[in-house]
Amino acid sequence: MLTDGDRGVEPPEEIKRLQEIHRTLSLTVDKEERQKLWERVIRAHAEYMWVIPLVAQGKEIGVLSNDFRNVPERAVASWITMTPGYLNPETFYIRGR
């Protein structure tokens, strides 16, 4: 990716597809299209599991007020998804404020 094929080993097809998604994501401004692309990335990581976790990560707990709105009940917390960014926290709000 960094040398445009001048050096290194050609990656598998799925990695090439993810590289193309990465390029597309960096140019896409449409929120729904970006969401679809991210879902493809997450599905690929779940299916192929390129990273083998050596230490199990426990569940993460978040504390919210009942007045906190537009927050998902569940979320994937990981570096890959850049939590909490993919949850669109800019749309969270506190009722009555």
PDB file of N, CA and C in Angstrom:
ATOM      1  N   MET A   1       0.828  -1.192   0.000  1.00  0.00           N
ATOM      2  CA  MET A   1       0.000   0.000   0.000  1.00  0.00           C
ATOM      3  C   MET A   1       0.874   1.258   0.000  1.00  0.00           C
ATOM      4  N   LEU A   2       1.959   1.218   0.739  1.00  0.00           N
ATOM      5  CA  LEU A   2       2.811   2.406   0.833  1.00  0.00           C
ATOM      6  C   LEU A   2       3.712   2.585  -0.384  1.00  0.00           C
ATOM      7  N   THR A   3       4.045   1.478  -1.068  1.00  0.00           N
ATOM      8  CA  THR A   3       4.960   1.573  -2.215  1.00  0.00           C
ATOM      9  C   THR A   3       4.243   1.345  -3.542  1.00  0.00           C
ATOM     10  N   ASP A   4       2.913   1.252  -3.514  1.00  0.00           N
ATOM     11  CA  ASP A   4       2.119   0.992  -4.727  1.00  0.00           C
ATOM     12  C   ASP A   4       2.598  -0.236  -5.483  1.00  0.00           C
ATOM     13  N   GLY A   5       2.997  -1.274  -4.771  1.00  0.00           N
ATOM     14  CA  GLY A   5       3.381  -2.531  -5.397  1.00  0.00           C
ATOM     15  C   GLY A   5       4.831  -2.645  -5.803  1.00  0.00           C
ATOM     16  N   ASP A   6       5.629  -1.600  -5.586  1.00  0.00           N
ATOM     17  CA  ASP A   6       7.045  -1.670  -5.957  1.00  0.00           C
ATOM     18  C   ASP A   6       7.808  -2.677  -5.112  1.00  0.00           C
ATOM     19  N   ARG A   7       7.411  -2.841  -3.860  1.00  0.00           N
ATOM     20  CA  ARG A   7       8.096  -3.763  -2.951  1.00  0.00           C
ATOM     21  C   ARG A   7       7.063  -4.556  -2.167  1.00  0.00           C
ATOM     22  N   GLY A   8       7.535  -5.603  -1.531  1.00  0.00           N
ATOM     23  CA  GLY A   8       6.671  -6.368  -0.641  1.00  0.00           C
ATOM     24  C   GLY A   8       5.967  -7.522  -1.323  1.00  0.00           C
ATOM     25  N   VAL A   9       5.018  -8.091  -0.603  1.00  0.00           N
ATOM     26  CA  VAL A   9       4.256  -9.241  -1.066  1.00  0.00           C
ATOM     27  C   VAL A   9       2.833  -8.785  -1.352  1.00  0.00           C
ATOM     28  N   GLU A  10       2.273  -9.272  -2.442  1.00  0.00           N
ATOM     29  CA  GLU A  10       0.901  -8.897  -2.780  1.00  0.00           C
ATOM     30  C   GLU A  10      -0.051  -9.441  -1.712  1.00  0.00           C
ATOM     31  N   PRO A  11      -0.908  -8.579  -1.182  1.00  0.00           N
ATOM     32  CA  PRO A  11      -1.823  -9.021  -0.122  1.00  0.00           C
ATOM     33  C   PRO A  11      -2.956  -9.883  -0.686  1.00  0.00           C
ATOM     34  N   PRO A  12      -3.611 -10.655   0.178  1.00  0.00           N
ATOM     35  CA  PRO A  12      -4.778 -11.435  -0.248  1.00  0.00           C
ATOM     36  C   PRO A  12      -5.893 -10.512  -0.752  1.00  0.00           C
ATOM     37  N   GLU A  13      -6.810 -11.082  -1.521  1.00  0.00           N
ATOM     38  CA  GLU A  13      -7.897 -10.297  -2.123  1.00  0.00           C
ATOM     39  C   GLU A  13      -8.718  -9.536  -1.084  1.00  0.00           C
ATOM     40  N   GLU A  14      -9.023 -10.165   0.043  1.00  0.00           N
ATOM     41  CA  GLU A  14      -9.844  -9.479   1.052  1.00  0.00           C
ATOM     42  C   GLU A  14      -9.120  -8.263   1.612  1.00  0.00           C
ATOM     43  N   ILE A  15      -7.828  -8.344   1.783  1.00  0.00           N
ATOM     44  CA  ILE A  15      -7.058  -7.189   2.256  1.00  0.00           C
ATOM     45  C   ILE A  15      -7.089  -6.091   1.197  1.00  0.00           C
ATOM     46  N   LYS A  16      -6.985  -6.468  -0.062  1.00  0.00           N
ATOM     47  CA  LYS A  16      -7.067  -5.469  -1.142  1.00  0.00           C
ATOM     48  C   LYS A  16      -8.423  -4.768  -1.113  1.00  0.00           C
ATOM     49  N   ARG A  17      -9.492  -5.550  -0.877  1.00  0.00           N
ATOM     50  CA  ARG A  17     -10.831  -4.935  -0.797  1.00  0.00           C
ATOM     51  C   ARG A  17     -10.901  -3.950   0.372  1.00  0.00           C
ATOM     52  N   LEU A  18     -10.312  -4.327   1.506  1.00  0.00           N
ATOM     53  CA  LEU A  18     -10.314  -3.420   2.660  1.00  0.00           C
ATOM     54  C   LEU A  18      -9.489  -2.166   2.387  1.00  0.00           C
ATOM     55  N   GLN A  19      -8.402  -2.311   1.655  1.00  0.00           N
ATOM     56  CA  GLN A  19      -7.606  -1.136   1.288  1.00  0.00           C
ATOM     57  C   GLN A  19      -8.423  -0.194   0.402  1.00  0.00           C
ATOM     58  N   GLU A  20      -9.193  -0.775  -0.510  1.00  0.00           N
ATOM     59  CA  GLU A  20     -10.042   0.045  -1.376  1.00  0.00           C
ATOM     60  C   GLU A  20     -11.136   0.730  -0.557  1.00  0.00           C
ATOM     61  N   ILE A  21     -11.712   0.015   0.401  1.00  0.00           N
ATOM     62  CA  ILE A  21     -12.715   0.627   1.284  1.00  0.00           C
ATOM     63  C   ILE A  21     -12.084   1.780   2.053  1.00  0.00           C
ATOM     64  N   HIS A  22     -10.859   1.591   2.525  1.00  0.00           N
ATOM     65  CA  HIS A  22     -10.157   2.648   3.256  1.00  0.00           C
ATOM     66  C   HIS A  22     -10.002   3.890   2.379  1.00  0.00           C
ATOM     67  N   ARG A  23      -9.595   3.687   1.143  1.00  0.00           N
ATOM     68  CA  ARG A  23      -9.459   4.835   0.226  1.00  0.00           C
ATOM     69  C   ARG A  23     -10.811   5.509  -0.003  1.00  0.00           C
ATOM     70  N   THR A  24     -11.852   4.687  -0.188  1.00  0.00           N
ATOM     71  CA  THR A  24     -13.190   5.230  -0.426  1.00  0.00           C
ATOM     72  C   THR A  24     -13.693   5.986   0.801  1.00  0.00           C
ATOM     73  N   LEU A  25     -13.475   5.421   1.985  1.00  0.00           N
ATOM     74  CA  LEU A  25     -13.902   6.087   3.221  1.00  0.00           C
ATOM     75  C   LEU A  25     -13.274   7.466   3.365  1.00  0.00           C
ATOM     76  N   SER A  26     -12.013   7.579   2.986  1.00  0.00           N
ATOM     77  CA  SER A  26     -11.329   8.864   3.151  1.00  0.00           C
ATOM     78  C   SER A  26     -11.875   9.935   2.212  1.00  0.00           C
ATOM     79  N   LEU A  27     -12.638   9.524   1.200  1.00  0.00           N
ATOM     80  CA  LEU A  27     -13.191  10.481   0.234  1.00  0.00           C
ATOM     81  C   LEU A  27     -14.704  10.627   0.335  1.00  0.00           C
ATOM     82  N   THR A  28     -15.351   9.799   1.140  1.00  0.00           N
ATOM     83  CA  THR A  28     -16.810   9.776   1.207  1.00  0.00           C
ATOM     84  C   THR A  28     -17.315  10.689   2.321  1.00  0.00           C
ATOM     85  N   VAL A  29     -18.239  11.571   1.970  1.00  0.00           N
ATOM     86  CA  VAL A  29     -18.815  12.464   2.978  1.00  0.00           C
ATOM     87  C   VAL A  29     -20.234  12.053   3.365  1.00  0.00           C
ATOM     88  N   ASP A  30     -20.892  11.249   2.538  1.00  0.00           N
ATOM     89  CA  ASP A  30     -22.254  10.816   2.821  1.00  0.00           C
ATOM     90  C   ASP A  30     -22.270   9.881   4.033  1.00  0.00           C
ATOM     91  N   LYS A  31     -23.017  10.264   5.057  1.00  0.00           N
ATOM     92  CA  LYS A  31     -23.031   9.530   6.325  1.00  0.00           C
ATOM     93  C   LYS A  31     -23.520   8.089   6.148  1.00  0.00           C
ATOM     94  N   GLU A  32     -24.581   7.892   5.369  1.00  0.00           N
ATOM     95  CA  GLU A  32     -25.120   6.547   5.182  1.00  0.00           C
ATOM     96  C   GLU A  32     -24.140   5.658   4.425  1.00  0.00           C
ATOM     97  N   GLU A  33     -23.479   6.206   3.427  1.00  0.00           N
ATOM     98  CA  GLU A  33     -22.492   5.433   2.668  1.00  0.00           C
ATOM     99  C   GLU A  33     -21.303   5.062   3.556  1.00  0.00           C
ATOM    100  N   ARG A  34     -20.856   6.005   4.395  1.00  0.00           N
ATOM    101  CA  ARG A  34     -19.750   5.710   5.316  1.00  0.00           C
ATOM    102  C   ARG A  34     -20.150   4.590   6.286  1.00  0.00           C
ATOM    103  N   GLN A  35     -21.386   4.630   6.758  1.00  0.00           N
ATOM    104  CA  GLN A  35     -21.873   3.592   7.672  1.00  0.00           C
ATOM    105  C   GLN A  35     -21.833   2.226   6.994  1.00  0.00           C
ATOM    106  N   LYS A  36     -22.292   2.165   5.737  1.00  0.00           N
ATOM    107  CA  LYS A  36     -22.270   0.895   4.996  1.00  0.00           C
ATOM    108  C   LYS A  36     -20.840   0.387   4.821  1.00  0.00           C
ATOM    109  N   LEU A  37     -19.930   1.280   4.514  1.00  0.00           N
ATOM    110  CA  LEU A  37     -18.531   0.883   4.338  1.00  0.00           C
ATOM    111  C   LEU A  37     -17.948   0.354   5.645  1.00  0.00           C
ATOM    112  N   TRP A  38     -18.241   1.045   6.764  1.00  0.00           N
ATOM    113  CA  TRP A  38     -17.731   0.592   8.061  1.00  0.00           C
ATOM    114  C   TRP A  38     -18.292  -0.775   8.422  1.00  0.00           C
ATOM    115  N   GLU A  39     -19.560  -1.015   8.077  1.00  0.00           N
ATOM    116  CA  GLU A  39     -20.154  -2.320   8.360  1.00  0.00           C
ATOM    117  C   GLU A  39     -19.416  -3.420   7.600  1.00  0.00           C
ATOM    118  N   ARG A  40     -18.996  -3.128   6.370  1.00  0.00           N
ATOM    119  CA  ARG A  40     -18.214  -4.108   5.599  1.00  0.00           C
ATOM    120  C   ARG A  40     -16.875  -4.383   6.279  1.00  0.00           C
ATOM    121  N   VAL A  41     -16.248  -3.335   6.794  1.00  0.00           N
ATOM    122  CA  VAL A  41     -14.965  -3.501   7.486  1.00  0.00           C
ATOM    123  C   VAL A  41     -15.145  -4.373   8.728  1.00  0.00           C
ATOM    124  N   ILE A  42     -16.148  -4.080   9.515  1.00  0.00           N
ATOM    125  CA  ILE A  42     -16.387  -4.826  10.751  1.00  0.00           C
ATOM    126  C   ILE A  42     -16.707  -6.285  10.445  1.00  0.00           C
ATOM    127  N   ARG A  43     -17.558  -6.538   9.422  1.00  0.00           N
ATOM    128  CA  ARG A  43     -17.877  -7.910   9.039  1.00  0.00           C
ATOM    129  C   ARG A  43     -16.630  -8.675   8.607  1.00  0.00           C
ATOM    130  N   ALA A  44     -15.770  -8.014   7.829  1.00  0.00           N
ATOM    131  CA  ALA A  44     -14.537  -8.669   7.365  1.00  0.00           C
ATOM    132  C   ALA A  44     -13.644  -9.030   8.543  1.00  0.00           C
ATOM    133  N   HIS A  45     -13.508  -8.134   9.503  1.00  0.00           N
ATOM    134  CA  HIS A  45     -12.668  -8.423  10.671  1.00  0.00           C
ATOM    135  C   HIS A  45     -13.267  -9.553  11.509  1.00  0.00           C
ATOM    136  N   ALA A  46     -14.585  -9.604  11.604  1.00  0.00           N
ATOM    137  CA  ALA A  46     -15.226 -10.689  12.351  1.00  0.00           C
ATOM    138  C   ALA A  46     -15.055 -12.023  11.631  1.00  0.00           C
ATOM    139  N   GLU A  47     -15.150 -12.009  10.304  1.00  0.00           N
ATOM    140  CA  GLU A  47     -15.054 -13.250   9.532  1.00  0.00           C
ATOM    141  C   GLU A  47     -13.630 -13.789   9.458  1.00  0.00           C
ATOM    142  N   TYR A  48     -12.670 -12.926   9.201  1.00  0.00           N
ATOM    143  CA  TYR A  48     -11.305 -13.380   8.967  1.00  0.00           C
ATOM    144  C   TYR A  48     -10.418 -13.345  10.209  1.00  0.00           C
ATOM    145  N   MET A  49     -10.730 -12.508  11.147  1.00  0.00           N
ATOM    146  CA  MET A  49     -10.005 -12.388  12.415  1.00  0.00           C
ATOM    147  C   MET A  49      -8.489 -12.404  12.211  1.00  0.00           C
ATOM    148  N   TRP A  50      -7.964 -11.371  11.584  1.00  0.00           N
ATOM    149  CA  TRP A  50      -6.541 -11.272  11.295  1.00  0.00           C
ATOM    150  C   TRP A  50      -5.714 -11.072  12.557  1.00  0.00           C
ATOM    151  N   VAL A  51      -6.321 -10.484  13.561  1.00  0.00           N
ATOM    152  CA  VAL A  51      -5.626 -10.263  14.827  1.00  0.00           C
ATOM    153  C   VAL A  51      -6.137 -11.300  15.814  1.00  0.00           C
ATOM    154  N   ILE A  52      -5.235 -12.037  16.407  1.00  0.00           N
ATOM    155  CA  ILE A  52      -5.626 -13.038  17.397  1.00  0.00           C
ATOM    156  C   ILE A  52      -5.382 -12.435  18.778  1.00  0.00           C
ATOM    157  N   PRO A  53      -6.449 -12.187  19.531  1.00  0.00           N
ATOM    158  CA  PRO A  53      -6.271 -11.583  20.850  1.00  0.00           C
ATOM    159  C   PRO A  53      -5.568 -12.545  21.800  1.00  0.00           C
ATOM    160  N   LEU A  54      -4.552 -12.062  22.452  1.00  0.00           N
ATOM    161  CA  LEU A  54      -3.809 -12.882  23.403  1.00  0.00           C
ATOM    162  C   LEU A  54      -4.336 -12.725  24.816  1.00  0.00           C
ATOM    163  N   VAL A  55      -5.039 -11.653  25.052  1.00  0.00           N
ATOM    164  CA  VAL A  55      -5.636 -11.402  26.352  1.00  0.00           C
ATOM    165  C   VAL A  55      -7.103 -11.084  26.103  1.00  0.00           C
ATOM    166  N   ALA A  56      -7.979 -11.789  26.758  1.00  0.00           N
ATOM    167  CA  ALA A  56      -9.406 -11.552  26.572  1.00  0.00           C
ATOM    168  C   ALA A  56      -9.784 -10.211  27.173  1.00  0.00           C
ATOM    169  N   GLN A  57     -10.543  -9.473  26.421  1.00  0.00           N
ATOM    170  CA  GLN A  57     -11.020  -8.187  26.920  1.00  0.00           C
ATOM    171  C   GLN A  57     -12.407  -8.404  27.504  1.00  0.00           C
ATOM    172  N   GLY A  58     -12.585  -7.979  28.711  1.00  0.00           N
ATOM    173  CA  GLY A  58     -13.878  -8.123  29.350  1.00  0.00           C
ATOM    174  C   GLY A  58     -14.876  -7.118  28.800  1.00  0.00           C
ATOM    175  N   LYS A  59     -16.097  -7.285  29.210  1.00  0.00           N
ATOM    176  CA  LYS A  59     -17.119  -6.330  28.798  1.00  0.00           C
ATOM    177  C   LYS A  59     -16.807  -4.974  29.392  1.00  0.00           C
ATOM    178  N   GLU A  60     -17.124  -3.949  28.643  1.00  0.00           N
ATOM    179  CA  GLU A  60     -16.938  -2.592  29.149  1.00  0.00           C
ATOM    180  C   GLU A  60     -18.286  -2.055  29.582  1.00  0.00           C
ATOM    181  N   ILE A  61     -18.270  -1.318  30.633  1.00  0.00           N
ATOM    182  CA  ILE A  61     -19.507  -0.782  31.188  1.00  0.00           C
ATOM    183  C   ILE A  61     -19.477   0.729  31.082  1.00  0.00           C
ATOM    184  N   GLY A  62     -20.583   1.286  30.676  1.00  0.00           N
ATOM    185  CA  GLY A  62     -20.729   2.735  30.634  1.00  0.00           C
ATOM    186  C   GLY A  62     -21.907   3.135  31.501  1.00  0.00           C
ATOM    187  N   VAL A  63     -21.795   4.238  32.155  1.00  0.00           N
ATOM    188  CA  VAL A  63     -22.866   4.711  33.022  1.00  0.00           C
ATOM    189  C   VAL A  63     -23.528   5.903  32.354  1.00  0.00           C
ATOM    190  N   LEU A  64     -24.842   5.843  32.263  1.00  0.00           N
ATOM    191  CA  LEU A  64     -25.601   6.920  31.639  1.00  0.00           C
ATOM    192  C   LEU A  64     -26.724   7.360  32.555  1.00  0.00           C
ATOM    193  N   SER A  65     -27.080   8.597  32.418  1.00  0.00           N
ATOM    194  CA  SER A  65     -28.268   9.106  33.087  1.00  0.00           C
ATOM    195  C   SER A  65     -29.484   8.701  32.257  1.00  0.00           C
ATOM    196  N   ASN A  66     -30.623   8.536  32.888  1.00  0.00           N
ATOM    197  CA  ASN A  66     -31.852   8.260  32.144  1.00  0.00           C
ATOM    198  C   ASN A  66     -32.230   9.420  31.242  1.00  0.00           C
ATOM    199  N   ASP A  67     -31.633  10.588  31.473  1.00  0.00           N
ATOM    200  CA  ASP A  67     -31.909  11.749  30.628  1.00  0.00           C
ATOM    201  C   ASP A  67     -31.033  11.782  29.378  1.00  0.00           C
ATOM    202  N   PHE A  68     -30.038  10.922  29.300  1.00  0.00           N
ATOM    203  CA  PHE A  68     -29.154  10.874  28.128  1.00  0.00           C
ATOM    204  C   PHE A  68     -29.909  10.207  26.986  1.00  0.00           C
ATOM    205  N   ARG A  69     -29.966  10.839  25.827  1.00  0.00           N
ATOM    206  CA  ARG A  69     -30.770  10.347  24.704  1.00  0.00           C
ATOM    207  C   ARG A  69     -29.919  10.107  23.462  1.00  0.00           C
ATOM    208  N   ASN A  70     -30.503   9.290  22.564  1.00  0.00           N
ATOM    209  CA  ASN A  70     -29.910   8.962  21.268  1.00  0.00           C
ATOM    210  C   ASN A  70     -28.599   8.187  21.420  1.00  0.00           C
ATOM    211  N   VAL A  71     -28.502   7.413  22.495  1.00  0.00           N
ATOM    212  CA  VAL A  71     -27.312   6.608  22.772  1.00  0.00           C
ATOM    213  C   VAL A  71     -27.689   5.144  22.548  1.00  0.00           C
ATOM    214  N   PRO A  72     -26.893   4.384  21.802  1.00  0.00           N
ATOM    215  CA  PRO A  72     -27.242   2.981  21.576  1.00  0.00           C
ATOM    216  C   PRO A  72     -27.181   2.171  22.870  1.00  0.00           C
ATOM    217  N   GLU A  73     -28.033   1.149  22.957  1.00  0.00           N
ATOM    218  CA  GLU A  73     -28.018   0.295  24.146  1.00  0.00           C
ATOM    219  C   GLU A  73     -26.763  -0.561  24.202  1.00  0.00           C
ATOM    220  N   ARG A  74     -26.250  -0.947  23.028  1.00  0.00           N
ATOM    221  CA  ARG A  74     -25.037  -1.761  22.951  1.00  0.00           C
ATOM    222  C   ARG A  74     -24.125  -1.190  21.882  1.00  0.00           C
ATOM    223  N   ALA A  75     -22.832  -1.420  22.069  1.00  0.00           N
ATOM    224  CA  ALA A  75     -21.853  -0.939  21.095  1.00  0.00           C
ATOM    225  C   ALA A  75     -20.613  -1.819  21.163  1.00  0.00           C
ATOM    226  N   VAL A  76     -19.885  -1.866  20.068  1.00  0.00           N
ATOM    227  CA  VAL A  76     -18.613  -2.585  20.031  1.00  0.00           C
ATOM    228  C   VAL A  76     -17.529  -1.600  20.423  1.00  0.00           C
ATOM    229  N   ALA A  77     -16.802  -1.901  21.481  1.00  0.00           N
ATOM    230  CA  ALA A  77     -15.728  -1.020  21.941  1.00  0.00           C
ATOM    231  C   ALA A  77     -14.402  -1.615  21.499  1.00  0.00           C
ATOM    232  N   SER A  78     -13.778  -0.992  20.515  1.00  0.00           N
ATOM    233  CA  SER A  78     -12.493  -1.506  20.044  1.00  0.00           C
ATOM    234  C   SER A  78     -11.725  -0.414  19.319  1.00  0.00           C
ATOM    235  N   TRP A  79     -10.450  -0.676  19.156  1.00  0.00           N
ATOM    236  CA  TRP A  79      -9.607   0.252  18.409  1.00  0.00           C
ATOM    237  C   TRP A  79     -10.027   0.267  16.947  1.00  0.00           C
ATOM    238  N   ILE A  80     -10.391  -0.901  16.410  1.00  0.00           N
ATOM    239  CA  ILE A  80     -10.754  -1.010  14.995  1.00  0.00           C
ATOM    240  C   ILE A  80     -11.917  -0.086  14.664  1.00  0.00           C
ATOM    241  N   THR A  81     -12.924  -0.044  15.525  1.00  0.00           N
ATOM    242  CA  THR A  81     -14.099   0.788  15.255  1.00  0.00           C
ATOM    243  C   THR A  81     -13.923   2.227  15.717  1.00  0.00           C
ATOM    244  N   MET A  82     -12.772   2.502  16.329  1.00  0.00           N
ATOM    245  CA  MET A  82     -12.469   3.861  16.807  1.00  0.00           C
ATOM    246  C   MET A  82     -13.545   4.367  17.763  1.00  0.00           C
ATOM    247  N   THR A  83     -13.911   3.517  18.690  1.00  0.00           N
ATOM    248  CA  THR A  83     -14.924   3.848  19.679  1.00  0.00           C
ATOM    249  C   THR A  83     -14.514   5.092  20.458  1.00  0.00           C
ATOM    250  N   PRO A  84     -15.386   6.021  20.724  1.00  0.00           N
ATOM    251  CA  PRO A  84     -16.814   6.014  20.446  1.00  0.00           C
ATOM    252  C   PRO A  84     -17.186   6.703  19.138  1.00  0.00           C
ATOM    253  N   GLY A  85     -16.202   7.082  18.335  1.00  0.00           N
ATOM    254  CA  GLY A  85     -16.468   7.887  17.138  1.00  0.00           C
ATOM    255  C   GLY A  85     -17.514   7.336  16.199  1.00  0.00           C
ATOM    256  N   TYR A  86     -17.524   6.017  15.977  1.00  0.00           N
ATOM    257  CA  TYR A  86     -18.475   5.457  15.020  1.00  0.00           C
ATOM    258  C   TYR A  86     -19.914   5.505  15.534  1.00  0.00           C
ATOM    259  N   LEU A  87     -20.095   5.781  16.817  1.00  0.00           N
ATOM    260  CA  LEU A  87     -21.432   5.884  17.402  1.00  0.00           C
ATOM    261  C   LEU A  87     -22.062   7.252  17.164  1.00  0.00           C
ATOM    262  N   ASN A  88     -21.316   8.148  16.536  1.00  0.00           N
ATOM    263  CA  ASN A  88     -21.785   9.515  16.274  1.00  0.00           C
ATOM    264  C   ASN A  88     -22.184  10.232  17.564  1.00  0.00           C
ATOM    265  N   PRO A  89     -21.254  10.352  18.517  1.00  0.00           N
ATOM    266  CA  PRO A  89     -21.586  10.967  19.799  1.00  0.00           C
ATOM    267  C   PRO A  89     -22.052  12.416  19.670  1.00  0.00           C
ATOM    268  N   GLU A  90     -21.768  13.029  18.529  1.00  0.00           N
ATOM    269  CA  GLU A  90     -22.249  14.404  18.339  1.00  0.00           C
ATOM    270  C   GLU A  90     -23.771  14.464  18.280  1.00  0.00           C
ATOM    271  N   THR A  91     -24.430  13.303  18.137  1.00  0.00           N
ATOM    272  CA  THR A  91     -25.894  13.286  18.113  1.00  0.00           C
ATOM    273  C   THR A  91     -26.497  12.943  19.472  1.00  0.00           C
ATOM    274  N   PHE A  92     -25.680  12.630  20.475  1.00  0.00           N
ATOM    275  CA  PHE A  92     -26.187  12.366  21.821  1.00  0.00           C
ATOM    276  C   PHE A  92     -26.669  13.692  22.419  1.00  0.00           C
ATOM    277  N   TYR A  93     -27.637  13.611  23.291  1.00  0.00           N
ATOM    278  CA  TYR A  93     -28.080  14.830  23.967  1.00  0.00           C
ATOM    279  C   TYR A  93     -28.689  14.482  25.316  1.00  0.00           C
ATOM    280  N   ILE A  94     -28.831  15.487  26.157  1.00  0.00           N
ATOM    281  CA  ILE A  94     -29.443  15.311  27.470  1.00  0.00           C
ATOM    282  C   ILE A  94     -30.825  15.940  27.423  1.00  0.00           C
ATOM    283  N   ARG A  95     -31.832  15.148  27.740  1.00  0.00           N
ATOM    284  CA  ARG A  95     -33.219  15.612  27.678  1.00  0.00           C
ATOM    285  C   ARG A  95     -33.418  16.807  28.602  1.00  0.00           C
ATOM    286  N   GLY A  96     -34.084  17.819  28.082  1.00  0.00           N
ATOM    287  CA  GLY A  96     -34.410  18.985  28.888  1.00  0.00           C
ATOM    288  C   GLY A  96     -33.312  20.016  28.987  1.00  0.00           C
ATOM    289  N   ARG A  97     -32.232  19.876  28.230  1.00  0.00           N
ATOM    290  CA  ARG A  97     -31.149  20.856  28.299  1.00  0.00           C
ATOM    291  C   ARG A  97     -30.889  21.436  26.942  1.00  0.00           C
TER     292      ARG A  97
END
